[in-house]
Amino acid sequence: MATGTDLHKNLLAAFVEHPAAAGEKYGQHCRRALRVSATLAFASMAALVHALVPAWYTTRASDTVFELHDDLQRVRALQEVV
């Protein structure tokens, strides 16, 4: 049975280990994840508008996904160097 201390250690590890594995501190990782989330939310809204009015935002969602992909690939390449 897990004790309160074990739960605390596991929770702390969740906030430290994954960002560290990505070569970031928690705050850096949090900001990047929030930026990705906001970017995807805006792309989603553009896709929704495009679905309703096909002449609007014809490439905004896909352009955003491609840009995000390129950005994340650059981040991954930098992490592999370190």
PDB file of N, CA and C in Angstrom:
ATOM      1  N   MET A   1       0.851  -1.179   0.000  1.00  0.00           N
ATOM      2  CA  MET A   1       0.000   0.000   0.000  1.00  0.00           C
ATOM      3  C   MET A   1       0.894   1.239   0.000  1.00  0.00           C
ATOM      4  N   ALA A   2       0.542   2.202  -0.844  1.00  0.00           N
ATOM      5  CA  ALA A   2       1.334   3.423  -0.956  1.00  0.00           C
ATOM      6  C   ALA A   2       1.070   4.329   0.241  1.00  0.00           C
ATOM      7  N   THR A   3       2.136   4.885   0.736  1.00  0.00           N
ATOM      8  CA  THR A   3       1.998   5.823   1.846  1.00  0.00           C
ATOM      9  C   THR A   3       1.891   7.239   1.290  1.00  0.00           C
ATOM     10  N   GLY A   4       1.579   8.168   2.168  1.00  0.00           N
ATOM     11  CA  GLY A   4       1.514   9.566   1.761  1.00  0.00           C
ATOM     12  C   GLY A   4       2.850  10.052   1.224  1.00  0.00           C
ATOM     13  N   THR A   5       3.936   9.559   1.803  1.00  0.00           N
ATOM     14  CA  THR A   5       5.271   9.946   1.348  1.00  0.00           C
ATOM     15  C   THR A   5       5.533   9.436  -0.057  1.00  0.00           C
ATOM     16  N   ASP A   6       5.102   8.196  -0.343  1.00  0.00           N
ATOM     17  CA  ASP A   6       5.278   7.636  -1.684  1.00  0.00           C
ATOM     18  C   ASP A   6       4.503   8.452  -2.711  1.00  0.00           C
ATOM     19  N   LEU A   7       3.297   8.819  -2.375  1.00  0.00           N
ATOM     20  CA  LEU A   7       2.471   9.617  -3.271  1.00  0.00           C
ATOM     21  C   LEU A   7       3.134  10.965  -3.526  1.00  0.00           C
ATOM     22  N   HIS A   8       3.666  11.572  -2.476  1.00  0.00           N
ATOM     23  CA  HIS A   8       4.348  12.859  -2.606  1.00  0.00           C
ATOM     24  C   HIS A   8       5.556  12.730  -3.525  1.00  0.00           C
ATOM     25  N   LYS A   9       6.352  11.675  -3.359  1.00  0.00           N
ATOM     26  CA  LYS A   9       7.525  11.451  -4.199  1.00  0.00           C
ATOM     27  C   LYS A   9       7.118  11.233  -5.648  1.00  0.00           C
ATOM     28  N   ASN A  10       6.058  10.464  -5.879  1.00  0.00           N
ATOM     29  CA  ASN A  10       5.592  10.205  -7.241  1.00  0.00           C
ATOM     30  C   ASN A  10       5.090  11.486  -7.893  1.00  0.00           C
ATOM     31  N   LEU A  11       4.376  12.307  -7.150  1.00  0.00           N
ATOM     32  CA  LEU A  11       3.865  13.565  -7.675  1.00  0.00           C
ATOM     33  C   LEU A  11       5.020  14.505  -7.991  1.00  0.00           C
ATOM     34  N   LEU A  12       5.978  14.593  -7.096  1.00  0.00           N
ATOM     35  CA  LEU A  12       7.146  15.432  -7.323  1.00  0.00           C
ATOM     36  C   LEU A  12       7.903  14.949  -8.557  1.00  0.00           C
ATOM     37  N   ALA A  13       8.045  13.656  -8.706  1.00  0.00           N
ATOM     38  CA  ALA A  13       8.739  13.092  -9.858  1.00  0.00           C
ATOM     39  C   ALA A  13       8.042  13.474 -11.158  1.00  0.00           C
ATOM     40  N   ALA A  14       6.718  13.518 -11.134  1.00  0.00           N
ATOM     41  CA  ALA A  14       5.959  13.878 -12.330  1.00  0.00           C
ATOM     42  C   ALA A  14       6.258  15.306 -12.760  1.00  0.00           C
ATOM     43  N   PHE A  15       6.571  16.177 -11.834  1.00  0.00           N
ATOM     44  CA  PHE A  15       6.857  17.573 -12.136  1.00  0.00           C
ATOM     45  C   PHE A  15       8.328  17.822 -12.443  1.00  0.00           C
ATOM     46  N   VAL A  16       9.186  16.851 -12.177  1.00  0.00           N
ATOM     47  CA  VAL A  16      10.615  17.056 -12.347  1.00  0.00           C
ATOM     48  C   VAL A  16      11.203  16.142 -13.420  1.00  0.00           C
ATOM     49  N   GLU A  17      10.866  14.872 -13.386  1.00  0.00           N
ATOM     50  CA  GLU A  17      11.536  13.897 -14.242  1.00  0.00           C
ATOM     51  C   GLU A  17      11.246  14.090 -15.731  1.00  0.00           C
ATOM     52  N   HIS A  18       9.996  14.243 -16.107  1.00  0.00           N
ATOM     53  CA  HIS A  18       9.701  14.382 -17.533  1.00  0.00           C
ATOM     54  C   HIS A  18      10.297  15.663 -18.117  1.00  0.00           C
ATOM     55  N   PRO A  19      10.114  16.831 -17.488  1.00  0.00           N
ATOM     56  CA  PRO A  19      10.772  18.022 -18.036  1.00  0.00           C
ATOM     57  C   PRO A  19      12.289  17.853 -18.125  1.00  0.00           C
ATOM     58  N   ALA A  20      12.888  17.239 -17.121  1.00  0.00           N
ATOM     59  CA  ALA A  20      14.339  17.024 -17.144  1.00  0.00           C
ATOM     60  C   ALA A  20      14.727  16.120 -18.304  1.00  0.00           C
ATOM     61  N   ALA A  21      13.925  15.101 -18.569  1.00  0.00           N
ATOM     62  CA  ALA A  21      14.197  14.205 -19.692  1.00  0.00           C
ATOM     63  C   ALA A  21      14.104  14.944 -21.021  1.00  0.00           C
ATOM     64  N   ALA A  22      13.310  16.008 -21.053  1.00  0.00           N
ATOM     65  CA  ALA A  22      13.181  16.830 -22.254  1.00  0.00           C
ATOM     66  C   ALA A  22      14.208  17.958 -22.267  1.00  0.00           C
ATOM     67  N   GLY A  23      15.105  17.978 -21.281  1.00  0.00           N
ATOM     68  CA  GLY A  23      16.153  18.988 -21.220  1.00  0.00           C
ATOM     69  C   GLY A  23      15.665  20.345 -20.747  1.00  0.00           C
ATOM     70  N   GLU A  24      14.596  20.355 -19.963  1.00  0.00           N
ATOM     71  CA  GLU A  24      14.008  21.614 -19.509  1.00  0.00           C
ATOM     72  C   GLU A  24      13.737  21.564 -18.010  1.00  0.00           C
ATOM     73  N   LYS A  25      13.598  22.737 -17.451  1.00  0.00           N
ATOM     74  CA  LYS A  25      13.097  22.848 -16.084  1.00  0.00           C
ATOM     75  C   LYS A  25      11.573  22.873 -16.173  1.00  0.00           C
ATOM     76  N   TYR A  26      10.895  22.699 -15.039  1.00  0.00           N
ATOM     77  CA  TYR A  26       9.433  22.631 -15.048  1.00  0.00           C
ATOM     78  C   TYR A  26       8.801  23.866 -15.697  1.00  0.00           C
ATOM     79  N   GLY A  27       9.254  25.054 -15.321  1.00  0.00           N
ATOM     80  CA  GLY A  27       8.673  26.285 -15.858  1.00  0.00           C
ATOM     81  C   GLY A  27       8.823  26.382 -17.372  1.00  0.00           C
ATOM     82  N   GLN A  28      10.003  26.008 -17.876  1.00  0.00           N
ATOM     83  CA  GLN A  28      10.231  26.034 -19.320  1.00  0.00           C
ATOM     84  C   GLN A  28       9.296  25.058 -20.024  1.00  0.00           C
ATOM     85  N   HIS A  29       9.192  23.870 -19.466  1.00  0.00           N
ATOM     86  CA  HIS A  29       8.347  22.836 -20.059  1.00  0.00           C
ATOM     87  C   HIS A  29       6.872  23.249 -20.025  1.00  0.00           C
ATOM     88  N   CYS A  30       6.473  23.852 -18.925  1.00  0.00           N
ATOM     89  CA  CYS A  30       5.093  24.309 -18.774  1.00  0.00           C
ATOM     90  C   CYS A  30       4.768  25.371 -19.822  1.00  0.00           C
ATOM     91  N   ARG A  31       5.657  26.340 -19.980  1.00  0.00           N
ATOM     92  CA  ARG A  31       5.423  27.403 -20.981  1.00  0.00           C
ATOM     93  C   ARG A  31       5.333  26.823 -22.383  1.00  0.00           C
ATOM     94  N   ARG A  32       6.234  25.906 -22.727  1.00  0.00           N
ATOM     95  CA  ARG A  32       6.206  25.301 -24.062  1.00  0.00           C
ATOM     96  C   ARG A  32       4.897  24.531 -24.269  1.00  0.00           C
ATOM     97  N   ALA A  33       4.499  23.745 -23.294  1.00  0.00           N
ATOM     98  CA  ALA A  33       3.270  22.956 -23.412  1.00  0.00           C
ATOM     99  C   ALA A  33       2.039  23.860 -23.526  1.00  0.00           C
ATOM    100  N   LEU A  34       2.018  24.956 -22.769  1.00  0.00           N
ATOM    101  CA  LEU A  34       0.897  25.897 -22.864  1.00  0.00           C
ATOM    102  C   LEU A  34       0.860  26.570 -24.228  1.00  0.00           C
ATOM    103  N   ARG A  35       2.037  26.909 -24.764  1.00  0.00           N
ATOM    104  CA  ARG A  35       2.092  27.526 -26.085  1.00  0.00           C
ATOM    105  C   ARG A  35       1.587  26.557 -27.158  1.00  0.00           C
ATOM    106  N   VAL A  36       1.996  25.298 -27.068  1.00  0.00           N
ATOM    107  CA  VAL A  36       1.516  24.287 -28.015  1.00  0.00           C
ATOM    108  C   VAL A  36       0.005  24.135 -27.889  1.00  0.00           C
ATOM    109  N   SER A  37      -0.493  24.094 -26.669  1.00  0.00           N
ATOM    110  CA  SER A  37      -1.924  23.962 -26.433  1.00  0.00           C
ATOM    111  C   SER A  37      -2.708  25.125 -27.041  1.00  0.00           C
ATOM    112  N   ALA A  38      -2.235  26.349 -26.811  1.00  0.00           N
ATOM    113  CA  ALA A  38      -2.919  27.527 -27.352  1.00  0.00           C
ATOM    114  C   ALA A  38      -2.863  27.527 -28.881  1.00  0.00           C
ATOM    115  N   THR A  39      -1.716  27.161 -29.432  1.00  0.00           N
ATOM    116  CA  THR A  39      -1.567  27.113 -30.885  1.00  0.00           C
ATOM    117  C   THR A  39      -2.552  26.122 -31.490  1.00  0.00           C
ATOM    118  N   LEU A  40      -2.657  24.951 -30.888  1.00  0.00           N
ATOM    119  CA  LEU A  40      -3.598  23.945 -31.390  1.00  0.00           C
ATOM    120  C   LEU A  40      -5.047  24.387 -31.224  1.00  0.00           C
ATOM    121  N   ALA A  41      -5.341  25.100 -30.136  1.00  0.00           N
ATOM    122  CA  ALA A  41      -6.708  25.591 -29.925  1.00  0.00           C
ATOM    123  C   ALA A  41      -7.096  26.591 -31.015  1.00  0.00           C
ATOM    124  N   PHE A  42      -6.170  27.501 -31.348  1.00  0.00           N
ATOM    125  CA  PHE A  42      -6.456  28.466 -32.415  1.00  0.00           C
ATOM    126  C   PHE A  42      -6.592  27.774 -33.769  1.00  0.00           C
ATOM    127  N   ALA A  43      -5.743  26.790 -34.029  1.00  0.00           N
ATOM    128  CA  ALA A  43      -5.848  26.037 -35.284  1.00  0.00           C
ATOM    129  C   ALA A  43      -7.180  25.295 -35.352  1.00  0.00           C
ATOM    130  N   SER A  44      -7.614  24.758 -34.233  1.00  0.00           N
ATOM    131  CA  SER A  44      -8.891  24.063 -34.168  1.00  0.00           C
ATOM    132  C   SER A  44     -10.051  25.004 -34.476  1.00  0.00           C
ATOM    133  N   MET A  45      -9.979  26.196 -33.921  1.00  0.00           N
ATOM    134  CA  MET A  45     -11.044  27.176 -34.188  1.00  0.00           C
ATOM    135  C   MET A  45     -11.046  27.586 -35.661  1.00  0.00           C
ATOM    136  N   ALA A  46      -9.872  27.751 -36.242  1.00  0.00           N
ATOM    137  CA  ALA A  46      -9.787  28.086 -37.674  1.00  0.00           C
ATOM    138  C   ALA A  46     -10.384  26.960 -38.513  1.00  0.00           C
ATOM    139  N   ALA A  47     -10.125  25.717 -38.133  1.00  0.00           N
ATOM    140  CA  ALA A  47     -10.684  24.579 -38.861  1.00  0.00           C
ATOM    141  C   ALA A  47     -12.211  24.535 -38.718  1.00  0.00           C
ATOM    142  N   LEU A  48     -12.703  24.871 -37.536  1.00  0.00           N
ATOM    143  CA  LEU A  48     -14.158  24.906 -37.323  1.00  0.00           C
ATOM    144  C   LEU A  48     -14.802  25.974 -38.202  1.00  0.00           C
ATOM    145  N   VAL A  49     -14.215  27.166 -38.217  1.00  0.00           N
ATOM    146  CA  VAL A  49     -14.750  28.244 -39.063  1.00  0.00           C
ATOM    147  C   VAL A  49     -14.685  27.820 -40.531  1.00  0.00           C
ATOM    148  N   HIS A  50     -13.573  27.220 -40.919  1.00  0.00           N
ATOM    149  CA  HIS A  50     -13.418  26.763 -42.303  1.00  0.00           C
ATOM    150  C   HIS A  50     -14.471  25.708 -42.669  1.00  0.00           C
ATOM    151  N   ALA A  51     -14.799  24.864 -41.724  1.00  0.00           N
ATOM    152  CA  ALA A  51     -15.826  23.847 -41.986  1.00  0.00           C
ATOM    153  C   ALA A  51     -17.177  24.488 -42.265  1.00  0.00           C
ATOM    154  N   LEU A  52     -17.460  25.572 -41.574  1.00  0.00           N
ATOM    155  CA  LEU A  52     -18.742  26.252 -41.739  1.00  0.00           C
ATOM    156  C   LEU A  52     -18.760  27.177 -42.956  1.00  0.00           C
ATOM    157  N   VAL A  53     -17.621  27.837 -43.213  1.00  0.00           N
ATOM    158  CA  VAL A  53     -17.500  28.744 -44.359  1.00  0.00           C
ATOM    159  C   VAL A  53     -16.202  28.374 -45.081  1.00  0.00           C
ATOM    160  N   PRO A  54     -16.273  27.465 -46.043  1.00  0.00           N
ATOM    161  CA  PRO A  54     -15.063  26.928 -46.673  1.00  0.00           C
ATOM    162  C   PRO A  54     -14.120  27.964 -47.289  1.00  0.00           C
ATOM    163  N   ALA A  55     -14.609  29.128 -47.644  1.00  0.00           N
ATOM    164  CA  ALA A  55     -13.749  30.152 -48.246  1.00  0.00           C
ATOM    165  C   ALA A  55     -12.877  30.862 -47.207  1.00  0.00           C
ATOM    166  N   TRP A  56     -13.173  30.712 -45.954  1.00  0.00           N
ATOM    167  CA  TRP A  56     -12.409  31.372 -44.896  1.00  0.00           C
ATOM    168  C   TRP A  56     -11.374  30.412 -44.312  1.00  0.00           C
ATOM    169  N   TYR A  57     -10.227  30.955 -43.968  1.00  0.00           N
ATOM    170  CA  TYR A  57      -9.151  30.192 -43.309  1.00  0.00           C
ATOM    171  C   TYR A  57      -8.846  28.894 -44.058  1.00  0.00           C
ATOM    172  N   THR A  58      -8.671  29.006 -45.359  1.00  0.00           N
ATOM    173  CA  THR A  58      -8.518  27.812 -46.190  1.00  0.00           C
ATOM    174  C   THR A  58      -7.299  26.961 -45.835  1.00  0.00           C
ATOM    175  N   THR A  59      -6.234  27.588 -45.354  1.00  0.00           N
ATOM    176  CA  THR A  59      -5.033  26.801 -45.013  1.00  0.00           C
ATOM    177  C   THR A  59      -4.508  27.074 -43.606  1.00  0.00           C
ATOM    178  N   ARG A  60      -5.203  27.904 -42.838  1.00  0.00           N
ATOM    179  CA  ARG A  60      -4.681  28.313 -41.534  1.00  0.00           C
ATOM    180  C   ARG A  60      -4.425  27.117 -40.617  1.00  0.00           C
ATOM    181  N   ALA A  61      -5.356  26.204 -40.496  1.00  0.00           N
ATOM    182  CA  ALA A  61      -5.169  25.076 -39.571  1.00  0.00           C
ATOM    183  C   ALA A  61      -4.002  24.199 -40.005  1.00  0.00           C
ATOM    184  N   SER A  62      -3.969  23.832 -41.274  1.00  0.00           N
ATOM    185  CA  SER A  62      -2.880  22.960 -41.736  1.00  0.00           C
ATOM    186  C   SER A  62      -1.538  23.682 -41.684  1.00  0.00           C
ATOM    187  N   ASP A  63      -1.500  24.971 -42.053  1.00  0.00           N
ATOM    188  CA  ASP A  63      -0.253  25.735 -41.947  1.00  0.00           C
ATOM    189  C   ASP A  63       0.252  25.743 -40.513  1.00  0.00           C
ATOM    190  N   THR A  64      -0.660  25.934 -39.570  1.00  0.00           N
ATOM    191  CA  THR A  64      -0.292  25.977 -38.156  1.00  0.00           C
ATOM    192  C   THR A  64       0.269  24.635 -37.697  1.00  0.00           C
ATOM    193  N   VAL A  65      -0.358  23.552 -38.119  1.00  0.00           N
ATOM    194  CA  VAL A  65       0.118  22.215 -37.733  1.00  0.00           C
ATOM    195  C   VAL A  65       1.511  21.968 -38.307  1.00  0.00           C
ATOM    196  N   PHE A  66       1.732  22.346 -39.562  1.00  0.00           N
ATOM    197  CA  PHE A  66       3.057  22.172 -40.165  1.00  0.00           C
ATOM    198  C   PHE A  66       4.105  23.019 -39.449  1.00  0.00           C
ATOM    199  N   GLU A  67       3.771  24.266 -39.114  1.00  0.00           N
ATOM    200  CA  GLU A  67       4.699  25.140 -38.390  1.00  0.00           C
ATOM    201  C   GLU A  67       5.015  24.571 -37.008  1.00  0.00           C
ATOM    202  N   LEU A  68       3.995  24.078 -36.327  1.00  0.00           N
ATOM    203  CA  LEU A  68       4.192  23.492 -35.005  1.00  0.00           C
ATOM    204  C   LEU A  68       5.071  22.249 -35.104  1.00  0.00           C
ATOM    205  N   HIS A  69       4.823  21.431 -36.097  1.00  0.00           N
ATOM    206  CA  HIS A  69       5.636  20.234 -36.313  1.00  0.00           C
ATOM    207  C   HIS A  69       7.103  20.612 -36.509  1.00  0.00           C
ATOM    208  N   ASP A  70       7.364  21.602 -37.369  1.00  0.00           N
ATOM    209  CA  ASP A  70       8.742  22.035 -37.614  1.00  0.00           C
ATOM    210  C   ASP A  70       9.391  22.553 -36.335  1.00  0.00           C
ATOM    211  N   ASP A  71       8.646  23.331 -35.561  1.00  0.00           N
ATOM    212  CA  ASP A  71       9.166  23.871 -34.305  1.00  0.00           C
ATOM    213  C   ASP A  71       9.509  22.748 -33.334  1.00  0.00           C
ATOM    214  N   LEU A  72       8.628  21.785 -33.193  1.00  0.00           N
ATOM    215  CA  LEU A  72       8.876  20.680 -32.265  1.00  0.00           C
ATOM    216  C   LEU A  72      10.026  19.800 -32.738  1.00  0.00           C
ATOM    217  N   GLN A  73      10.188  19.659 -34.044  1.00  0.00           N
ATOM    218  CA  GLN A  73      11.333  18.902 -34.566  1.00  0.00           C
ATOM    219  C   GLN A  73      12.642  19.611 -34.226  1.00  0.00           C
ATOM    220  N   ARG A  74      12.657  20.960 -34.317  1.00  0.00           N
ATOM    221  CA  ARG A  74      13.853  21.723 -33.938  1.00  0.00           C
ATOM    222  C   ARG A  74      14.170  21.532 -32.455  1.00  0.00           C
ATOM    223  N   VAL A  75      13.139  21.560 -31.624  1.00  0.00           N
ATOM    224  CA  VAL A  75      13.332  21.364 -30.179  1.00  0.00           C
ATOM    225  C   VAL A  75      13.895  19.967 -29.929  1.00  0.00           C
ATOM    226  N   ARG A  76      13.347  18.970 -30.580  1.00  0.00           N
ATOM    227  CA  ARG A  76      13.822  17.594 -30.393  1.00  0.00           C
ATOM    228  C   ARG A  76      15.279  17.463 -30.829  1.00  0.00           C
ATOM    229  N   ALA A  77      15.629  18.078 -31.950  1.00  0.00           N
ATOM    230  CA  ALA A  77      17.018  18.010 -32.435  1.00  0.00           C
ATOM    231  C   ALA A  77      17.971  18.659 -31.429  1.00  0.00           C
ATOM    232  N   LEU A  78      17.569  19.779 -30.849  1.00  0.00           N
ATOM    233  CA  LEU A  78      18.402  20.431 -29.841  1.00  0.00           C
ATOM    234  C   LEU A  78      18.558  19.559 -28.608  1.00  0.00           C
ATOM    235  N   GLN A  79      17.503  18.869 -28.218  1.00  0.00           N
ATOM    236  CA  GLN A  79      17.553  18.003 -27.038  1.00  0.00           C
ATOM    237  C   GLN A  79      18.480  16.813 -27.278  1.00  0.00           C
ATOM    238  N   GLU A  80      18.526  16.321 -28.497  1.00  0.00           N
ATOM    239  CA  GLU A  80      19.381  15.179 -28.808  1.00  0.00           C
ATOM    240  C   GLU A  80      20.854  15.551 -28.790  1.00  0.00           C
ATOM    241  N   VAL A  81      21.155  16.825 -29.074  1.00  0.00           N
ATOM    242  CA  VAL A  81      22.534  17.312 -29.058  1.00  0.00           C
ATOM    243  C   VAL A  81      23.050  17.397 -27.638  1.00  0.00           C
ATOM    244  N   VAL A  82      22.169  17.798 -26.708  1.00  0.00           N
ATOM    245  CA  VAL A  82      22.577  18.005 -25.317  1.00  0.00           C
ATOM    246  C   VAL A  82      22.777  16.731 -24.591  1.00  0.00           C
TER     247      VAL A  82
END
